Amino acid sequence: MGKSRLVYEFTNRQRADGWKVYWLKYGDYNNLAHWLPPADPCIVVADDVQAHLQTVGNWIVSLSARLRSEKLRILLLERDEKDLDSAGWAETLWSDCPYDDAVSSKCHCADFLNLSPMSDEELKAIMSDFADMSGKPLTGSGHADRLLRVLEKIDGDLRRSIYALAIVDAWCGGNDPAHWNKEQVLDALINHELKFYYGRLRNLSADRISGEMRSELENLLACSCLIPFCR
């Protein structure tokens, strides 16, 4: 929760000190063993690294053995544990070369930076602000506390803000998400977004939307989400 935003803020500060930042794309992992940093000095960001652990581990080993003059830092984003020793995914990171300590010796040894879930008051403030902007304030009858309990049921201890907003959006739309599951909340969020784009399409088509136009619009929206991961 919030990892990408945290890295965005961090790397923006490093740019001011002359560092270039490169986010690994999905296609980069296919040839990572021969991949070279595009700048010097460079911070390379690997998001959701668990999907490419052994590839990244082998790459770090090969980098440590290569003679090079450029400065390079690799930033790995993952979702669990507090340090390298307790992270199960870290074992997989160097599983192809268990007798080479290049991965563990090159890693920063401090505890991982962990982000904690928002407090009750922070979440209720976000939900109340969103409801106010939607024209249906969460005033009286304990609505904010009730929707917070719905969030805890749906998203457990994580209580992510995206689910909080989706729950409030459903409530503002006249629905009762108290008996919904996570899939139903996500469906409601997707339908809300589609409603917005259908409205734009209706304006462009003089209020004549065919089934083919609707299908093409949904295909375009799906492709726009997938393209960044297919480069």
Protein backbone atom coordinates (compact mmCIF):
# COMPACT_ATOMS: atom_id res chain seq x y z
CA MET A 1 0.00 0.00 0.00
CA GLY A 2 1.60 3.25 -1.15
CA LYS A 3 4.88 1.67 -2.32
CA SER A 4 4.93 3.20 -5.78
CA ARG A 5 4.10 6.67 -4.47
CA LEU A 6 6.86 6.40 -1.86
CA VAL A 7 9.41 5.44 -4.52
CA TYR A 8 8.15 8.25 -6.77
CA GLU A 9 8.81 10.82 -4.03
CA PHE A 10 12.18 9.27 -3.15
CA THR A 11 13.43 9.13 -6.73
CA ASN A 12 12.31 12.70 -7.38
CA ARG A 13 14.65 13.82 -4.60
CA GLN A 14 17.50 11.71 -5.98
CA ARG A 15 17.09 13.29 -9.41
CA ALA A 16 17.93 16.61 -7.81
CA ASP A 17 21.29 15.08 -6.82
CA GLY A 18 22.02 13.97 -10.38
CA TRP A 19 20.69 10.40 -10.33
CA LYS A 20 18.76 9.07 -13.31
CA VAL A 21 15.85 6.74 -12.53
CA TYR A 22 14.73 3.79 -14.63
CA TRP A 23 11.72 1.57 -13.86
CA LEU A 24 12.20 -1.93 -15.26
CA LYS A 25 9.50 -2.79 -17.78
CA TYR A 26 8.03 -6.25 -18.17
CA GLY A 27 10.04 -6.93 -21.34
CA ASP A 28 13.34 -5.95 -19.68
CA TYR A 29 13.31 -9.08 -17.52
CA ASN A 30 13.55 -11.32 -20.60
CA ASN A 31 17.05 -10.03 -21.32
CA LEU A 32 18.12 -8.81 -17.90
CA ALA A 33 21.37 -10.79 -17.87
CA HIS A 34 22.66 -8.58 -20.72
CA TRP A 35 20.83 -5.39 -19.77
CA LEU A 36 22.92 -2.31 -19.04
CA PRO A 37 21.88 0.77 -17.08
CA PRO A 38 20.90 3.61 -19.43
CA ALA A 39 22.72 6.28 -17.41
CA ASP A 40 25.37 6.94 -14.79
CA PRO A 41 24.61 7.27 -11.94
CA CYS A 42 21.38 5.28 -12.14
CA ILE A 43 18.68 4.00 -9.79
CA VAL A 44 16.88 0.97 -11.23
CA VAL A 45 13.45 0.24 -9.76
CA ALA A 46 12.02 -3.31 -9.90
CA ASP A 47 8.36 -3.25 -8.90
CA ASP A 48 6.54 -6.42 -7.78
CA VAL A 49 9.89 -8.19 -7.90
CA GLN A 50 8.44 -11.48 -6.62
CA ALA A 51 7.36 -12.36 -10.17
CA HIS A 52 11.01 -12.26 -11.34
CA LEU A 53 13.02 -13.19 -8.26
CA GLN A 54 15.56 -15.63 -9.68
CA THR A 55 16.10 -13.48 -12.76
CA VAL A 56 16.81 -10.44 -10.60
CA GLY A 57 19.01 -12.46 -8.22
CA ASN A 58 21.15 -13.77 -11.09
CA TRP A 59 21.36 -10.27 -12.52
CA ILE A 60 22.67 -8.87 -9.22
CA VAL A 61 25.29 -11.64 -9.09
CA SER A 62 26.41 -10.94 -12.66
CA LEU A 63 26.60 -7.20 -11.96
CA SER A 64 28.78 -7.78 -8.90
CA ALA A 65 31.21 -9.83 -10.99
CA ARG A 66 31.36 -7.36 -13.88
CA LEU A 67 34.03 -4.67 -14.09
CA ARG A 68 32.20 -1.39 -14.37
CA SER A 69 32.71 2.24 -13.41
CA GLU A 70 29.13 3.51 -13.30
CA LYS A 71 27.25 4.00 -10.05
CA LEU A 72 24.17 1.80 -9.78
CA ARG A 73 21.52 1.28 -7.13
CA ILE A 74 18.73 -1.29 -7.46
CA LEU A 75 15.49 -0.69 -5.57
CA LEU A 76 13.26 -3.74 -5.03
CA LEU A 77 9.57 -3.34 -4.15
CA GLU A 78 7.76 -6.16 -2.41
CA ARG A 79 4.83 -6.67 -0.09
CA ASP A 80 5.98 -8.50 3.02
CA GLU A 81 8.47 -8.93 5.86
CA LYS A 82 10.71 -6.47 7.67
CA ASP A 83 14.27 -7.42 6.67
CA LEU A 84 16.31 -9.61 4.34
CA ASP A 85 16.61 -12.49 6.81
CA SER A 86 12.88 -12.83 7.48
CA ALA A 87 11.71 -12.41 3.88
CA GLY A 88 10.85 -15.75 2.30
CA TRP A 89 11.13 -14.20 -1.15
CA ALA A 90 14.76 -13.23 -0.42
CA GLU A 91 15.75 -16.93 -0.34
CA THR A 92 14.38 -17.36 -3.84
CA LEU A 93 16.25 -14.24 -4.92
CA TRP A 94 19.58 -16.10 -4.67
CA SER A 95 18.36 -19.72 -4.88
CA ASP A 96 20.17 -20.36 -8.18
CA CYS A 97 23.49 -19.43 -6.58
CA PRO A 98 23.22 -20.40 -2.87
CA TYR A 99 27.00 -20.38 -2.31
CA ASP A 100 27.48 -16.88 -3.72
CA ASP A 101 26.96 -14.13 -1.15
CA ALA A 102 26.81 -11.37 -3.76
CA VAL A 103 23.09 -10.74 -3.19
CA SER A 104 23.17 -10.59 0.59
CA SER A 105 26.49 -8.71 0.76
CA LYS A 106 25.39 -6.07 -1.73
CA CYS A 107 22.00 -5.45 -0.08
CA HIS A 108 21.45 -2.62 2.34
CA CYS A 109 21.45 -4.28 5.74
CA ALA A 110 18.99 -2.05 7.57
CA ASP A 111 15.38 -3.11 8.11
CA PHE A 112 13.09 -2.64 5.16
CA LEU A 113 11.03 0.52 5.14
CA ASN A 114 7.50 -0.65 5.96
CA LEU A 115 4.33 1.33 5.42
CA SER A 116 1.61 0.94 8.03
CA PRO A 117 -2.15 0.99 7.34
CA MET A 118 -3.90 4.31 7.91
CA SER A 119 -5.48 5.05 11.27
CA ASP A 120 -9.24 5.06 11.81
CA GLU A 121 -9.31 8.84 11.86
CA GLU A 122 -7.28 9.17 8.65
CA LEU A 123 -9.53 6.71 6.83
CA LYS A 124 -12.70 8.35 8.07
CA ALA A 125 -11.35 11.75 6.98
CA ILE A 126 -10.69 10.41 3.46
CA MET A 127 -14.14 8.80 3.28
CA SER A 128 -15.87 11.92 4.61
CA ASP A 129 -14.06 14.20 2.15
CA PHE A 130 -15.03 11.93 -0.75
CA ALA A 131 -18.66 11.79 0.40
CA ASP A 132 -18.75 15.60 0.75
CA MET A 133 -17.49 16.00 -2.82
CA SER A 134 -20.15 13.52 -3.98
CA GLY A 135 -22.86 15.62 -2.38
CA LYS A 136 -23.84 13.08 0.27
CA PRO A 137 -22.02 13.92 3.52
CA LEU A 138 -21.39 11.21 6.10
CA THR A 139 -23.11 13.11 8.88
CA GLY A 140 -25.10 11.57 11.74
CA SER A 141 -26.18 7.96 12.31
CA GLY A 142 -22.57 6.78 12.57
CA HIS A 143 -22.25 6.34 8.80
CA ALA A 144 -18.46 6.83 8.81
CA ASP A 145 -17.94 4.22 11.55
CA ARG A 146 -20.28 1.79 9.81
CA LEU A 147 -18.46 2.13 6.48
CA LEU A 148 -15.13 1.74 8.27
CA ARG A 149 -16.34 -1.62 9.63
CA VAL A 150 -17.33 -2.60 6.08
CA LEU A 151 -13.78 -1.76 4.96
CA GLU A 152 -12.30 -3.96 7.71
CA LYS A 153 -14.54 -6.86 6.67
CA ILE A 154 -13.63 -6.54 3.00
CA ASP A 155 -9.91 -5.72 3.17
CA GLY A 156 -8.88 -7.03 6.60
CA ASP A 157 -5.90 -5.42 8.33
CA LEU A 158 -4.68 -3.70 5.15
CA ARG A 159 -7.69 -1.38 4.96
CA ARG A 160 -6.45 0.15 1.72
CA SER A 161 -7.73 3.57 0.75
CA ILE A 162 -8.79 2.43 -2.73
CA TYR A 163 -11.33 0.09 -1.13
CA ALA A 164 -12.41 2.81 1.29
CA LEU A 165 -13.18 5.12 -1.62
CA ALA A 166 -14.97 2.38 -3.57
CA ILE A 167 -17.16 1.58 -0.55
CA VAL A 168 -18.09 5.23 0.00
CA ASP A 169 -18.73 5.68 -3.72
CA ALA A 170 -21.15 2.74 -3.65
CA TRP A 171 -22.89 4.16 -0.58
CA CYS A 172 -23.20 7.60 -2.18
CA GLY A 173 -24.73 5.91 -5.22
CA GLY A 174 -27.57 4.50 -3.10
CA ASN A 175 -26.13 1.00 -2.59
CA ASP A 176 -25.46 -0.79 0.68
CA PRO A 177 -21.98 -2.39 0.52
CA ALA A 178 -22.31 -3.86 4.03
CA HIS A 179 -23.06 -7.31 2.60
CA TRP A 180 -20.66 -7.14 -0.34
CA ASN A 181 -17.42 -9.06 -0.77
CA LYS A 182 -14.18 -7.75 -2.27
CA GLU A 183 -15.13 -8.78 -5.83
CA GLN A 184 -18.43 -6.91 -5.62
CA VAL A 185 -16.67 -3.76 -4.43
CA LEU A 186 -14.20 -3.96 -7.32
CA ASP A 187 -17.04 -4.58 -9.78
CA ALA A 188 -18.80 -1.47 -8.50
CA LEU A 189 -15.57 0.53 -8.92
CA ILE A 190 -15.11 -0.72 -12.49
CA ASN A 191 -18.73 0.04 -13.36
CA HIS A 192 -18.31 3.55 -11.98
CA GLU A 193 -15.32 4.12 -14.27
CA LEU A 194 -17.13 2.61 -17.25
CA LYS A 195 -20.11 4.89 -16.64
CA PHE A 196 -17.80 7.89 -16.95
CA TYR A 197 -16.32 6.68 -20.26
CA TYR A 198 -19.71 5.65 -21.62
CA GLY A 199 -20.88 9.20 -20.93
CA ARG A 200 -17.96 10.60 -22.94
CA LEU A 201 -18.66 8.15 -25.74
CA ARG A 202 -22.36 9.07 -25.71
CA ASN A 203 -21.44 12.71 -26.26
CA LEU A 204 -19.10 11.87 -29.12
CA SER A 205 -21.62 9.59 -30.82
CA ALA A 206 -24.64 11.92 -30.50
CA ASP A 207 -26.17 9.51 -27.99
CA ARG A 208 -26.01 6.53 -30.33
CA ILE A 209 -23.85 3.81 -28.75
CA SER A 210 -23.86 0.50 -30.58
CA GLY A 211 -22.87 -2.83 -29.07
CA GLU A 212 -19.75 -2.79 -31.26
CA MET A 213 -18.74 0.65 -29.98
CA ARG A 214 -19.24 -0.47 -26.39
CA SER A 215 -17.10 -3.57 -26.96
CA GLU A 216 -14.32 -1.57 -28.64
CA LEU A 217 -14.30 0.98 -25.83
CA GLU A 218 -13.88 -1.74 -23.19
CA ASN A 219 -11.10 -3.35 -25.27
CA LEU A 220 -9.28 0.00 -25.49
CA LEU A 221 -9.58 0.56 -21.74
CA ALA A 222 -8.25 -2.95 -21.04
CA CYS A 223 -5.32 -2.44 -23.44
CA SER A 224 -4.45 0.91 -21.86
CA CYS A 225 -4.02 -0.89 -18.52
CA LEU A 226 -1.93 -3.73 -19.97
CA ILE A 227 0.38 -1.90 -22.38
CA PRO A 228 2.81 -0.56 -19.71
CA PHE A 229 3.51 -4.17 -18.65
CA CYS A 230 4.04 -5.49 -22.21
CA ARG A 231 6.81 -3.18 -23.42
